[in-house]
């Protein structure tokens, strides 16, 4: 009897997880409307920022790190 209960709880958990992920949009392909909504964010290259330069050159990102480096 205990195994049937565990099987039922497991099946219910998997089903509920699938429903929540589907409602959140994780299991569906993005539509064209959703992809166009973030076009302005994609127009700027994130690798050209000052923070990206510091990361590529292993530079500290905070002035305290600069002081502690030497």
C-alpha atoms as a PDB file:
ATOM      1  CA  UNK A   1       0.000   0.000   0.000  1.00  0.00           C
ATOM      2  CA  UNK A   2       2.839   2.353   0.803  1.00  0.00           C
ATOM      3  CA  UNK A   3       4.409   1.914  -2.645  1.00  0.00           C
ATOM      4  CA  UNK A   4       1.142   2.796  -4.370  1.00  0.00           C
ATOM      5  CA  UNK A   5       0.967   5.987  -2.338  1.00  0.00           C
ATOM      6  CA  UNK A   6       4.523   6.898  -3.261  1.00  0.00           C
ATOM      7  CA  UNK A   7       3.809   6.155  -6.910  1.00  0.00           C
ATOM      8  CA  UNK A   8       0.730   8.388  -6.819  1.00  0.00           C
ATOM      9  CA  UNK A   9       2.627  11.225  -5.096  1.00  0.00           C
ATOM     10  CA  UNK A  10       5.481  10.928  -7.608  1.00  0.00           C
ATOM     11  CA  UNK A  11       3.111  11.011 -10.588  1.00  0.00           C
ATOM     12  CA  UNK A  12       1.271  13.989  -9.138  1.00  0.00           C
ATOM     13  CA  UNK A  13       4.546  15.819  -8.506  1.00  0.00           C
ATOM     14  CA  UNK A  14       5.780  15.242 -12.067  1.00  0.00           C
ATOM     15  CA  UNK A  15       2.447  16.342 -13.507  1.00  0.00           C
ATOM     16  CA  UNK A  16       2.325  19.474 -11.358  1.00  0.00           C
ATOM     17  CA  UNK A  17       5.923  20.339 -12.284  1.00  0.00           C
ATOM     18  CA  UNK A  18       5.115  20.012 -15.987  1.00  0.00           C
ATOM     19  CA  UNK A  19       2.060  22.244 -15.611  1.00  0.00           C
ATOM     20  CA  UNK A  20       4.005  24.926 -13.739  1.00  0.00           C
ATOM     21  CA  UNK A  21       6.858  24.884 -16.273  1.00  0.00           C
ATOM     22  CA  UNK A  22       4.425  25.078 -19.176  1.00  0.00           C
ATOM     23  CA  UNK A  23       2.581  28.030 -17.607  1.00  0.00           C
ATOM     24  CA  UNK A  24       5.886  29.796 -16.975  1.00  0.00           C
ATOM     25  CA  UNK A  25       6.888  29.352 -20.619  1.00  0.00           C
ATOM     26  CA  UNK A  26       9.830  27.012 -20.120  1.00  0.00           C
ATOM     27  CA  UNK A  27       8.412  24.209 -22.247  1.00  0.00           C
ATOM     28  CA  UNK A  28       7.171  26.299 -25.163  1.00  0.00           C
ATOM     29  CA  UNK A  29       9.066  27.819 -28.046  1.00  0.00           C
ATOM     30  CA  UNK A  30       9.228  31.616 -27.988  1.00  0.00           C
ATOM     31  CA  UNK A  31       6.887  33.234 -30.463  1.00  0.00           C
ATOM     32  CA  UNK A  32       7.960  35.914 -32.916  1.00  0.00           C
ATOM     33  CA  UNK A  33       6.156  38.548 -30.862  1.00  0.00           C
ATOM     34  CA  UNK A  34       8.135  37.687 -27.741  1.00  0.00           C
ATOM     35  CA  UNK A  35      11.425  37.638 -29.647  1.00  0.00           C
ATOM     36  CA  UNK A  36      10.805  41.122 -31.094  1.00  0.00           C
ATOM     37  CA  UNK A  37       9.900  42.575 -27.720  1.00  0.00           C
ATOM     38  CA  UNK A  38      13.538  42.492 -26.626  1.00  0.00           C
ATOM     39  CA  UNK A  39      15.088  43.764 -29.837  1.00  0.00           C
ATOM     40  CA  UNK A  40      16.529  46.881 -28.205  1.00  0.00           C
ATOM     41  CA  UNK A  41      18.396  44.814 -25.659  1.00  0.00           C
ATOM     42  CA  UNK A  42      19.984  42.750 -28.423  1.00  0.00           C
ATOM     43  CA  UNK A  43      21.050  45.777 -30.438  1.00  0.00           C
ATOM     44  CA  UNK A  44      23.803  46.623 -27.945  1.00  0.00           C
ATOM     45  CA  UNK A  45      26.777  44.276 -27.765  1.00  0.00           C
ATOM     46  CA  UNK A  46      27.437  43.340 -24.119  1.00  0.00           C
ATOM     47  CA  UNK A  47      31.091  42.549 -24.875  1.00  0.00           C
ATOM     48  CA  UNK A  48      31.911  46.161 -25.714  1.00  0.00           C
ATOM     49  CA  UNK A  49      31.192  47.506 -22.240  1.00  0.00           C
ATOM     50  CA  UNK A  50      33.799  48.596 -19.770  1.00  0.00           C
ATOM     51  CA  UNK A  51      32.861  45.756 -17.415  1.00  0.00           C
ATOM     52  CA  UNK A  52      33.411  43.195 -20.176  1.00  0.00           C
ATOM     53  CA  UNK A  53      36.845  44.668 -20.889  1.00  0.00           C
ATOM     54  CA  UNK A  54      37.770  44.363 -17.218  1.00  0.00           C
ATOM     55  CA  UNK A  55      36.555  40.748 -17.169  1.00  0.00           C
ATOM     56  CA  UNK A  56      38.523  39.809 -20.316  1.00  0.00           C
ATOM     57  CA  UNK A  57      41.698  41.393 -18.955  1.00  0.00           C
ATOM     58  CA  UNK A  58      41.256  40.065 -15.402  1.00  0.00           C
ATOM     59  CA  UNK A  59      40.998  43.561 -13.978  1.00  0.00           C
ATOM     60  CA  UNK A  60      39.349  44.199 -10.616  1.00  0.00           C
ATOM     61  CA  UNK A  61      35.844  45.603 -10.750  1.00  0.00           C
ATOM     62  CA  UNK A  62      35.959  47.635  -7.536  1.00  0.00           C
ATOM     63  CA  UNK A  63      38.385  50.208  -6.159  1.00  0.00           C
ATOM     64  CA  UNK A  64      38.990  48.159  -3.003  1.00  0.00           C
ATOM     65  CA  UNK A  65      40.104  45.246  -5.154  1.00  0.00           C
ATOM     66  CA  UNK A  66      42.551  47.595  -6.867  1.00  0.00           C
ATOM     67  CA  UNK A  67      44.040  48.547  -3.506  1.00  0.00           C
ATOM     68  CA  UNK A  68      44.232  44.973  -2.271  1.00  0.00           C
ATOM     69  CA  UNK A  69      45.862  43.765  -5.482  1.00  0.00           C
ATOM     70  CA  UNK A  70      49.237  45.317  -4.654  1.00  0.00           C
END
